[in-house]
Amino acid sequence: MSKSNPSRHPHAYSHSSPPDPLDTKSIDLSSSHITYQHKTIADADKTLNCILDIIAEGSWDWDGKTGRVVRSTAWFKMLGYDVGTFQQNVYTWENVIHKEDYDKVMQSFEKIITRKTDSYCIDYRCRKSDGSYLWITDRSKVVEYNPDGSVARIIGAHQDIHQQKIAQLSLFEQNQQLALGNVTLEKLISIKTEQLEAKNKLLEEKILEIERLANTDSLTNIANRKKFEEALNSEISRANRYEHALSLVILDIDHFKLINDSFGHKIGDQVLQNMVSAVVNNIRDVDIFARWGGEEFVLILPCIAIEAALNFSERLRQLISQTELSKGVYITCSFGVSEYHNTDTVEDLFHRADQALYRVKNNGRNSVQCEKKECRNCKLSWSTNTNMV
């Protein structure tokens, strides 16, 4: 807060000597002035948000220090969502952006974060609550910087331009169709619309099925290795962009071959499926769980640092060991954990988690470890060497 000019301050001292520190009247007046200035700032923010709601159909306010995003009531209503439907962070905003517009929007946002510009204005589509997409104009402006020069706060406003955009696209299509000649514009639009709708429906169904088969493990119905590698690269980019923590967990079922040999592959498959269900039911929506191969699985924990990842892995270890995965069948798992550092490659991150898992296996299995240098400050102890079956 800048210092006030004493000559203009309503409670300025009338003499050159400093005030008596025991003069409670002076203290009270100074405190009142500070309170008044805080109230003025709060009122200014409130007024700004009211103005944004008047001139726009949805406003947002991003705090770079906390990552918190405050969205106006109009923002939710414009897209048909109940107020407070989304968590107050940028991930929920990213999730409603049309995939064809995502890259250009992120490029614009990146320019603000890296201070290549202090504002942007961009048109893109947002997913509404009914699954349809709405064209909006998003205008944003940096309004506050941190002492180190990084962005501290951005405000923005969304404007509904759907009808204008649809009209533009419709006009473009009409001009193309008029060149076809004898078929009337109305009939041609009707025919083409029906044909495109039918083809798009078939195409979407095929694409969804192909994507599902390409990205999902057929036995456990979670992400496969290919999908996991794509997701990990994406989460690393996100961690770098927002300077968030990121942890990786590799877990391996102990002595799984003994399960297959003792009970048969059908029971072995059932054990895998039920173990996966137990994990999936105890992780967040943003976490990514995948089958790496055989009895080895991997888990990405966005915004989770190493000690929290170790604690969470230990809870999973205990949960799995106490769950009957088939009649009379219990298993244990070994866990290796690593935390992402901004100089890491994907291989570095995996190598540290894999080395931790290797030590667990060499020390009796059924425990959780991370690379020594990562957990040098961790004072955690894990249970080991419990019976598998």
Protein backbone atom coordinates (compact mmCIF):
# COMPACT_ATOMS: atom_id res chain seq x y z
CA MET A 1 0.00 0.00 0.00
CA SER A 2 1.52 3.40 -0.94
CA LYS A 3 2.15 5.99 1.74
CA SER A 4 -0.40 8.81 2.02
CA ASN A 5 0.63 12.45 1.69
CA PRO A 6 0.45 13.84 5.26
CA SER A 7 -0.75 17.21 4.01
CA ARG A 8 -3.79 15.59 2.43
CA HIS A 9 -4.43 12.81 4.98
CA PRO A 10 -7.48 13.65 7.14
CA HIS A 11 -5.59 12.50 10.25
CA ALA A 12 -2.16 14.04 9.43
CA TYR A 13 -0.04 15.25 12.37
CA SER A 14 -0.18 19.00 12.94
CA HIS A 15 3.39 19.18 14.31
CA SER A 16 6.79 17.98 13.12
CA SER A 17 7.51 15.69 16.09
CA PRO A 18 6.44 12.01 15.89
CA PRO A 19 3.28 10.95 17.77
CA ASP A 20 3.39 9.63 21.28
CA PRO A 21 3.44 5.76 21.00
CA LEU A 22 1.07 5.67 23.98
CA ASP A 23 -1.39 8.07 22.32
CA THR A 24 -4.26 5.62 21.73
CA LYS A 25 -6.18 8.23 19.80
CA SER A 26 -3.46 8.34 17.15
CA ILE A 27 -3.31 4.55 17.02
CA ASP A 28 -7.06 4.22 16.64
CA LEU A 29 -7.17 6.81 13.87
CA SER A 30 -4.32 5.11 12.00
CA SER A 31 -6.05 1.72 12.30
CA SER A 32 -9.28 3.23 11.06
CA HIS A 33 -7.49 4.64 8.05
CA ILE A 34 -5.94 1.24 7.24
CA THR A 35 -9.34 -0.42 7.63
CA TYR A 36 -10.85 2.25 5.40
CA GLN A 37 -8.23 1.66 2.71
CA HIS A 38 -8.79 -2.14 2.83
CA LYS A 39 -12.53 -1.53 2.57
CA THR A 40 -11.93 0.79 -0.40
CA ILE A 41 -9.93 -1.92 -2.20
CA ALA A 42 -12.59 -4.54 -1.44
CA ASP A 43 -15.31 -2.17 -2.66
CA ALA A 44 -13.32 -1.50 -5.82
CA ASP A 45 -13.04 -5.25 -6.50
CA LYS A 46 -16.76 -5.65 -5.88
CA THR A 47 -17.54 -2.76 -8.22
CA LEU A 48 -15.23 -4.20 -10.88
CA ASN A 49 -16.98 -7.57 -10.72
CA CYS A 50 -20.38 -5.88 -10.97
CA ILE A 51 -19.24 -3.98 -14.05
CA LEU A 52 -17.94 -7.19 -15.62
CA ASP A 53 -21.29 -8.89 -15.01
CA ILE A 54 -23.10 -5.97 -16.64
CA ILE A 55 -20.99 -5.73 -19.79
CA ALA A 56 -20.32 -9.45 -20.18
CA GLU A 57 -22.30 -12.65 -19.87
CA GLY A 58 -19.72 -14.30 -17.62
CA SER A 59 -16.60 -13.11 -15.80
CA TRP A 60 -13.67 -14.90 -14.13
CA ASP A 61 -10.81 -13.93 -11.82
CA TRP A 62 -7.59 -16.02 -11.63
CA ASP A 63 -5.23 -15.79 -8.63
CA GLY A 64 -1.76 -16.84 -9.77
CA LYS A 65 -0.54 -17.26 -6.20
CA THR A 66 -3.10 -19.92 -5.30
CA GLY A 67 -4.31 -21.12 -8.71
CA ARG A 68 -7.87 -20.32 -7.58
CA VAL A 69 -10.37 -19.17 -10.21
CA VAL A 70 -13.52 -17.33 -9.15
CA ARG A 71 -16.29 -17.40 -11.76
CA SER A 72 -19.42 -15.24 -11.76
CA THR A 73 -22.94 -16.62 -11.59
CA ALA A 74 -23.46 -15.47 -15.18
CA TRP A 75 -20.47 -17.57 -16.29
CA PHE A 76 -22.17 -20.77 -15.09
CA LYS A 77 -25.61 -19.77 -16.38
CA MET A 78 -24.29 -19.00 -19.86
CA LEU A 79 -23.12 -22.62 -20.19
CA GLY A 80 -26.14 -24.10 -18.42
CA TYR A 81 -24.30 -25.33 -15.32
CA ASP A 82 -25.40 -24.94 -11.72
CA VAL A 83 -23.39 -22.32 -9.84
CA GLY A 84 -20.38 -23.96 -8.18
CA THR A 85 -20.53 -27.07 -10.38
CA PHE A 86 -16.80 -26.86 -11.06
CA GLN A 87 -13.85 -26.70 -8.72
CA GLN A 88 -12.22 -23.27 -8.59
CA ASN A 89 -9.15 -23.98 -10.73
CA VAL A 90 -7.99 -23.72 -14.37
CA TYR A 91 -8.39 -27.46 -14.99
CA THR A 92 -12.17 -27.17 -15.04
CA TRP A 93 -11.93 -24.35 -17.58
CA GLU A 94 -9.60 -26.40 -19.78
CA ASN A 95 -12.01 -29.34 -19.67
CA VAL A 96 -14.89 -27.40 -21.28
CA ILE A 97 -12.83 -26.06 -24.21
CA HIS A 98 -13.56 -27.74 -27.57
CA LYS A 99 -10.66 -30.00 -28.49
CA GLU A 100 -10.25 -28.28 -31.88
CA ASP A 101 -9.82 -24.92 -30.13
CA TYR A 102 -7.75 -26.12 -27.16
CA ASP A 103 -4.25 -25.54 -28.58
CA LYS A 104 -4.87 -21.98 -29.75
CA VAL A 105 -6.48 -21.06 -26.41
CA MET A 106 -3.56 -22.51 -24.45
CA GLN A 107 -1.10 -20.63 -26.68
CA SER A 108 -2.87 -17.36 -25.88
CA PHE A 109 -2.91 -18.14 -22.15
CA GLU A 110 0.76 -19.15 -22.26
CA LYS A 111 1.71 -15.75 -23.75
CA ILE A 112 0.12 -14.02 -20.76
CA ILE A 113 1.76 -16.33 -18.20
CA THR A 114 5.19 -15.81 -19.85
CA ARG A 115 4.56 -12.03 -20.06
CA LYS A 116 4.77 -11.86 -23.85
CA THR A 117 1.51 -9.91 -23.62
CA ASP A 118 -0.72 -8.58 -20.87
CA SER A 119 -4.06 -9.38 -22.52
CA TYR A 120 -5.80 -11.47 -25.15
CA CYS A 121 -9.09 -11.66 -27.01
CA ILE A 122 -9.98 -14.98 -28.63
CA ASP A 123 -13.06 -16.77 -29.97
CA TYR A 124 -13.55 -20.46 -29.14
CA ARG A 125 -16.16 -23.04 -28.22
CA CYS A 126 -17.11 -24.16 -24.69
CA ARG A 127 -19.04 -27.31 -23.82
CA LYS A 128 -22.44 -26.65 -22.24
CA SER A 129 -24.13 -28.82 -19.63
CA ASP A 130 -26.22 -30.55 -22.33
CA GLY A 131 -23.11 -31.55 -24.31
CA SER A 132 -23.53 -28.95 -27.06
CA TYR A 133 -20.94 -26.24 -27.70
CA LEU A 134 -21.32 -22.46 -27.43
CA TRP A 135 -19.17 -19.95 -29.30
CA ILE A 136 -17.82 -17.28 -26.94
CA THR A 137 -15.38 -14.38 -27.04
CA ASP A 138 -12.93 -14.52 -24.12
CA ARG A 139 -11.20 -11.25 -23.20
CA SER A 140 -8.61 -11.22 -20.42
CA LYS A 141 -6.23 -8.73 -18.82
CA VAL A 142 -3.39 -8.97 -16.29
CA VAL A 143 -4.26 -6.65 -13.39
CA GLU A 144 -1.54 -7.54 -10.89
CA TYR A 145 2.08 -8.74 -10.90
CA ASN A 146 4.17 -10.31 -8.13
CA PRO A 147 7.31 -8.53 -6.87
CA ASP A 148 9.42 -10.91 -9.00
CA GLY A 149 7.54 -9.85 -12.13
CA SER A 150 5.45 -13.01 -12.53
CA VAL A 151 1.72 -12.78 -13.13
CA ALA A 152 -0.27 -12.56 -9.89
CA ARG A 153 -3.81 -11.97 -11.11
CA ILE A 154 -5.79 -12.06 -14.36
CA ILE A 155 -9.42 -11.08 -14.88
CA GLY A 156 -11.51 -11.96 -17.90
CA ALA A 157 -14.98 -11.90 -19.40
CA HIS A 158 -16.89 -14.28 -21.68
CA GLN A 159 -19.36 -12.96 -24.25
CA ASP A 160 -21.89 -15.17 -26.05
CA ILE A 161 -21.29 -14.79 -29.83
CA HIS A 162 -22.91 -18.05 -30.84
CA GLN A 163 -25.63 -16.64 -33.09
CA GLN A 164 -23.21 -14.31 -34.88
CA LYS A 165 -20.72 -17.14 -35.41
CA ILE A 166 -23.37 -19.55 -36.68
CA ALA A 167 -24.64 -16.86 -39.04
CA GLN A 168 -21.13 -16.35 -40.42
CA LEU A 169 -20.60 -20.07 -40.93
CA SER A 170 -24.03 -20.43 -42.49
CA LEU A 171 -23.36 -17.59 -44.91
CA PHE A 172 -20.08 -19.16 -45.94
CA GLU A 173 -21.78 -22.49 -46.57
CA GLN A 174 -24.58 -20.85 -48.54
CA ASN A 175 -22.15 -19.09 -50.84
CA GLN A 176 -20.48 -22.40 -51.61
CA GLN A 177 -23.76 -24.15 -52.26
CA LEU A 178 -25.04 -21.43 -54.59
CA ALA A 179 -22.17 -22.23 -56.93
CA LEU A 180 -23.47 -25.76 -57.43
CA GLY A 181 -26.08 -24.55 -59.87
CA ASN A 182 -29.56 -25.95 -60.36
CA VAL A 183 -30.41 -27.37 -56.93
CA THR A 184 -32.21 -24.86 -54.78
CA LEU A 185 -30.40 -23.61 -51.70
CA GLU A 186 -33.09 -24.79 -49.28
CA LYS A 187 -33.23 -28.31 -50.71
CA LEU A 188 -29.47 -28.63 -50.86
CA ILE A 189 -29.06 -27.55 -47.24
CA SER A 190 -31.69 -30.06 -46.15
CA ILE A 191 -30.09 -32.92 -48.11
CA LYS A 192 -26.56 -32.11 -47.04
CA THR A 193 -27.57 -31.66 -43.41
CA GLU A 194 -29.25 -35.06 -43.26
CA GLN A 195 -26.33 -36.74 -45.00
CA LEU A 196 -23.75 -35.09 -42.79
CA GLU A 197 -25.67 -35.89 -39.62
CA ALA A 198 -25.90 -39.56 -40.57
CA LYS A 199 -22.23 -39.75 -41.59
CA ASN A 200 -21.08 -37.84 -38.52
CA LYS A 201 -23.01 -40.14 -36.21
CA LEU A 202 -21.43 -43.24 -37.75
CA LEU A 203 -18.01 -41.60 -37.79
CA GLU A 204 -18.23 -40.52 -34.15
CA GLU A 205 -19.26 -44.01 -33.09
CA LYS A 206 -16.35 -45.57 -34.99
CA ILE A 207 -13.87 -43.01 -33.68
CA LEU A 208 -15.00 -43.57 -30.09
CA GLU A 209 -14.70 -47.33 -30.46
CA ILE A 210 -11.28 -47.07 -32.11
CA GLU A 211 -10.07 -44.69 -29.39
CA ARG A 212 -11.40 -46.97 -26.68
CA LEU A 213 -9.67 -50.01 -28.15
CA ALA A 214 -6.46 -48.08 -28.74
CA ASN A 215 -6.28 -46.54 -25.28
CA THR A 216 -7.88 -49.07 -22.92
CA ASP A 217 -6.61 -52.31 -21.43
CA SER A 218 -9.15 -54.94 -22.50
CA LEU A 219 -9.00 -56.95 -19.25
CA THR A 220 -9.13 -54.24 -16.59
CA ASN A 221 -10.84 -51.47 -18.60
CA ILE A 222 -8.34 -48.82 -17.45
CA ALA A 223 -5.79 -46.90 -19.51
CA ASN A 224 -3.17 -48.97 -21.32
CA ARG A 225 0.52 -48.19 -21.66
CA LYS A 226 0.06 -46.04 -24.80
CA LYS A 227 -2.62 -43.88 -23.20
CA PHE A 228 -0.61 -43.57 -20.00
CA GLU A 229 2.48 -42.31 -21.83
CA GLU A 230 0.38 -39.65 -23.58
CA ALA A 231 -1.23 -38.64 -20.28
CA LEU A 232 2.11 -38.44 -18.45
CA ASN A 233 3.59 -36.13 -21.09
CA SER A 234 0.49 -33.95 -20.86
CA GLU A 235 0.64 -33.80 -17.04
CA ILE A 236 4.34 -32.92 -17.12
CA SER A 237 3.57 -30.02 -19.47
CA ARG A 238 0.78 -28.92 -17.14
CA ALA A 239 3.07 -29.15 -14.08
CA ASN A 240 5.65 -26.99 -15.85
CA ARG A 241 3.04 -24.48 -16.99
CA TYR A 242 1.48 -23.93 -13.56
CA GLU A 243 4.51 -24.95 -11.42
CA HIS A 244 2.50 -27.68 -9.70
CA ALA A 245 3.81 -30.80 -8.00
CA LEU A 246 3.51 -34.18 -9.75
CA SER A 247 4.26 -37.68 -8.46
CA LEU A 248 4.51 -41.08 -10.15
CA VAL A 249 3.75 -44.43 -8.51
CA ILE A 250 4.70 -47.85 -9.90
CA LEU A 251 3.04 -50.80 -8.16
CA ASP A 252 3.66 -54.47 -8.76
CA ILE A 253 1.62 -57.42 -7.45
CA ASP A 254 3.88 -59.64 -5.34
CA HIS A 255 4.31 -63.26 -6.50
CA PHE A 256 1.46 -63.00 -9.01
CA LYS A 257 2.71 -66.07 -10.87
CA LEU A 258 1.90 -68.10 -7.76
CA ILE A 259 -1.73 -66.94 -8.01
CA ASN A 260 -1.98 -68.19 -11.60
CA ASP A 261 -0.19 -71.44 -10.80
CA SER A 262 -2.28 -72.13 -7.68
CA PHE A 263 -5.74 -71.02 -8.79
CA GLY A 264 -5.59 -70.79 -12.58
CA HIS A 265 -5.59 -67.88 -15.01
CA LYS A 266 -9.31 -67.23 -14.68
CA ILE A 267 -8.91 -66.48 -10.97
CA GLY A 268 -5.75 -64.54 -11.79
CA ASP A 269 -7.71 -62.32 -14.18
CA GLN A 270 -10.41 -61.84 -11.55
CA VAL A 271 -7.79 -60.79 -9.01
CA LEU A 272 -6.41 -58.19 -11.43
CA GLN A 273 -9.87 -56.81 -12.17
CA ASN A 274 -10.89 -56.57 -8.51
CA MET A 275 -7.58 -55.04 -7.47
CA VAL A 276 -7.99 -52.37 -10.17
CA SER A 277 -11.55 -51.66 -8.99
CA ALA A 278 -10.31 -51.20 -5.42
CA VAL A 279 -7.70 -48.66 -6.56
CA VAL A 280 -10.01 -46.79 -8.96
CA ASN A 281 -12.60 -46.37 -6.20
CA ASN A 282 -10.02 -44.70 -3.96
CA ILE A 283 -8.31 -42.21 -6.30
CA ARG A 284 -9.37 -38.76 -7.52
CA ASP A 285 -10.91 -38.04 -10.91
CA VAL A 286 -7.73 -36.21 -11.95
CA ASP A 287 -5.48 -39.16 -11.08
CA ILE A 288 -4.54 -41.49 -13.95
CA PHE A 289 -4.27 -45.23 -13.29
CA ALA A 290 -3.04 -47.58 -16.01
CA ARG A 291 -1.84 -51.11 -16.61
CA TRP A 292 1.80 -51.00 -17.61
CA GLY A 293 2.02 -54.69 -18.41
CA GLY A 294 1.30 -58.04 -16.77
CA GLU A 295 0.92 -57.46 -13.03
CA GLU A 296 2.61 -54.03 -13.07
CA PHE A 297 0.56 -50.82 -12.85
CA VAL A 298 1.33 -47.09 -12.86
CA LEU A 299 -0.40 -44.12 -11.26
CA ILE A 300 -0.03 -40.37 -11.92
CA LEU A 301 -0.84 -38.04 -9.00
CA PRO A 302 -1.15 -34.42 -10.24
CA CYS A 303 -0.57 -31.65 -7.65
CA ILE A 304 0.76 -34.21 -5.13
CA ALA A 305 4.28 -33.88 -3.67
CA ILE A 306 6.47 -36.80 -2.62
CA GLU A 307 5.50 -37.16 1.07
CA ALA A 308 1.77 -37.03 0.30
CA ALA A 309 2.33 -39.54 -2.51
CA LEU A 310 4.11 -41.89 -0.10
CA ASN A 311 1.31 -41.63 2.45
CA PHE A 312 -1.33 -42.22 -0.22
CA SER A 313 0.58 -45.21 -1.61
CA GLU A 314 0.82 -46.71 1.86
CA ARG A 315 -2.95 -46.41 2.30
CA LEU A 316 -3.45 -48.16 -1.05
CA ARG A 317 -0.98 -50.89 -0.02
CA GLN A 318 -2.92 -51.56 3.17
CA LEU A 319 -6.27 -51.45 1.38
CA ILE A 320 -5.18 -53.98 -1.25
CA SER A 321 -3.63 -56.36 1.28
CA GLN A 322 -6.86 -56.37 3.35
CA THR A 323 -9.25 -56.89 0.41
CA GLU A 324 -10.45 -60.36 -0.58
CA LEU A 325 -10.02 -60.20 -4.37
CA SER A 326 -11.42 -63.66 -5.03
CA LYS A 327 -12.78 -66.29 -2.66
CA GLY A 328 -10.03 -66.89 -0.12
CA VAL A 329 -7.44 -64.99 -2.19
CA TYR A 330 -5.49 -62.01 -0.84
CA ILE A 331 -2.47 -60.30 -2.37
CA THR A 332 0.18 -57.76 -1.47
CA CYS A 333 1.82 -55.11 -3.65
CA SER A 334 5.17 -53.36 -3.80
CA PHE A 335 5.28 -49.61 -4.51
CA GLY A 336 7.99 -47.34 -5.95
CA VAL A 337 7.35 -43.58 -5.84
CA SER A 338 9.09 -40.59 -7.45
CA GLU A 339 8.40 -36.85 -7.71
CA TYR A 340 8.79 -34.78 -10.89
CA HIS A 341 11.44 -32.05 -10.99
CA ASN A 342 11.43 -29.44 -13.74
CA THR A 343 14.72 -30.73 -15.16
CA ASP A 344 13.43 -34.31 -15.43
CA THR A 345 12.73 -36.24 -18.58
CA VAL A 346 10.00 -38.88 -18.56
CA GLU A 347 12.79 -41.46 -18.39
CA ASP A 348 14.28 -39.78 -15.29
CA LEU A 349 10.96 -39.84 -13.46
CA PHE A 350 10.35 -43.50 -14.33
CA HIS A 351 13.89 -44.53 -13.50
CA ARG A 352 13.70 -43.21 -9.93
CA ALA A 353 10.34 -44.87 -9.27
CA ASP A 354 11.59 -48.11 -10.82
CA GLN A 355 14.74 -48.08 -8.69
CA ALA A 356 12.63 -47.58 -5.56
CA LEU A 357 10.42 -50.52 -6.59
CA TYR A 358 13.53 -52.63 -7.19
CA ARG A 359 14.72 -51.97 -3.62
CA VAL A 360 11.31 -52.93 -2.24
CA LYS A 361 11.45 -56.27 -4.05
CA ASN A 362 14.98 -56.91 -2.79
CA ASN A 363 13.92 -56.16 0.79
CA GLY A 364 10.99 -58.52 1.15
CA ARG A 365 8.31 -56.82 -0.98
CA ASN A 366 4.95 -55.47 0.32
CA SER A 367 6.15 -51.95 1.18
CA VAL A 368 6.44 -48.41 -0.20
CA GLN A 369 9.69 -46.62 -1.02
CA CYS A 370 10.94 -43.64 -2.99
CA GLU A 371 14.39 -42.69 -4.20
CA LYS A 372 16.61 -42.03 -1.19
CA LYS A 373 17.39 -38.41 -2.05
CA GLU A 374 13.68 -37.68 -2.55
CA CYS A 375 12.56 -39.01 0.81
CA ARG A 376 15.57 -38.03 2.90
CA ASN A 377 13.28 -35.86 5.05
CA CYS A 378 10.48 -38.44 5.26
CA LYS A 379 10.14 -40.13 8.67
CA LEU A 380 7.74 -42.82 7.50
CA SER A 381 7.87 -46.56 8.10
CA TRP A 382 5.98 -49.17 6.15
CA SER A 383 4.77 -52.69 6.98
CA THR A 384 6.60 -55.50 5.20
CA ASN A 385 6.62 -59.23 4.69
CA THR A 386 2.94 -60.10 5.24
CA ASN A 387 1.62 -63.37 3.81
CA MET A 388 0.32 -63.19 0.25
CA VAL A 389 -2.39 -65.88 0.27
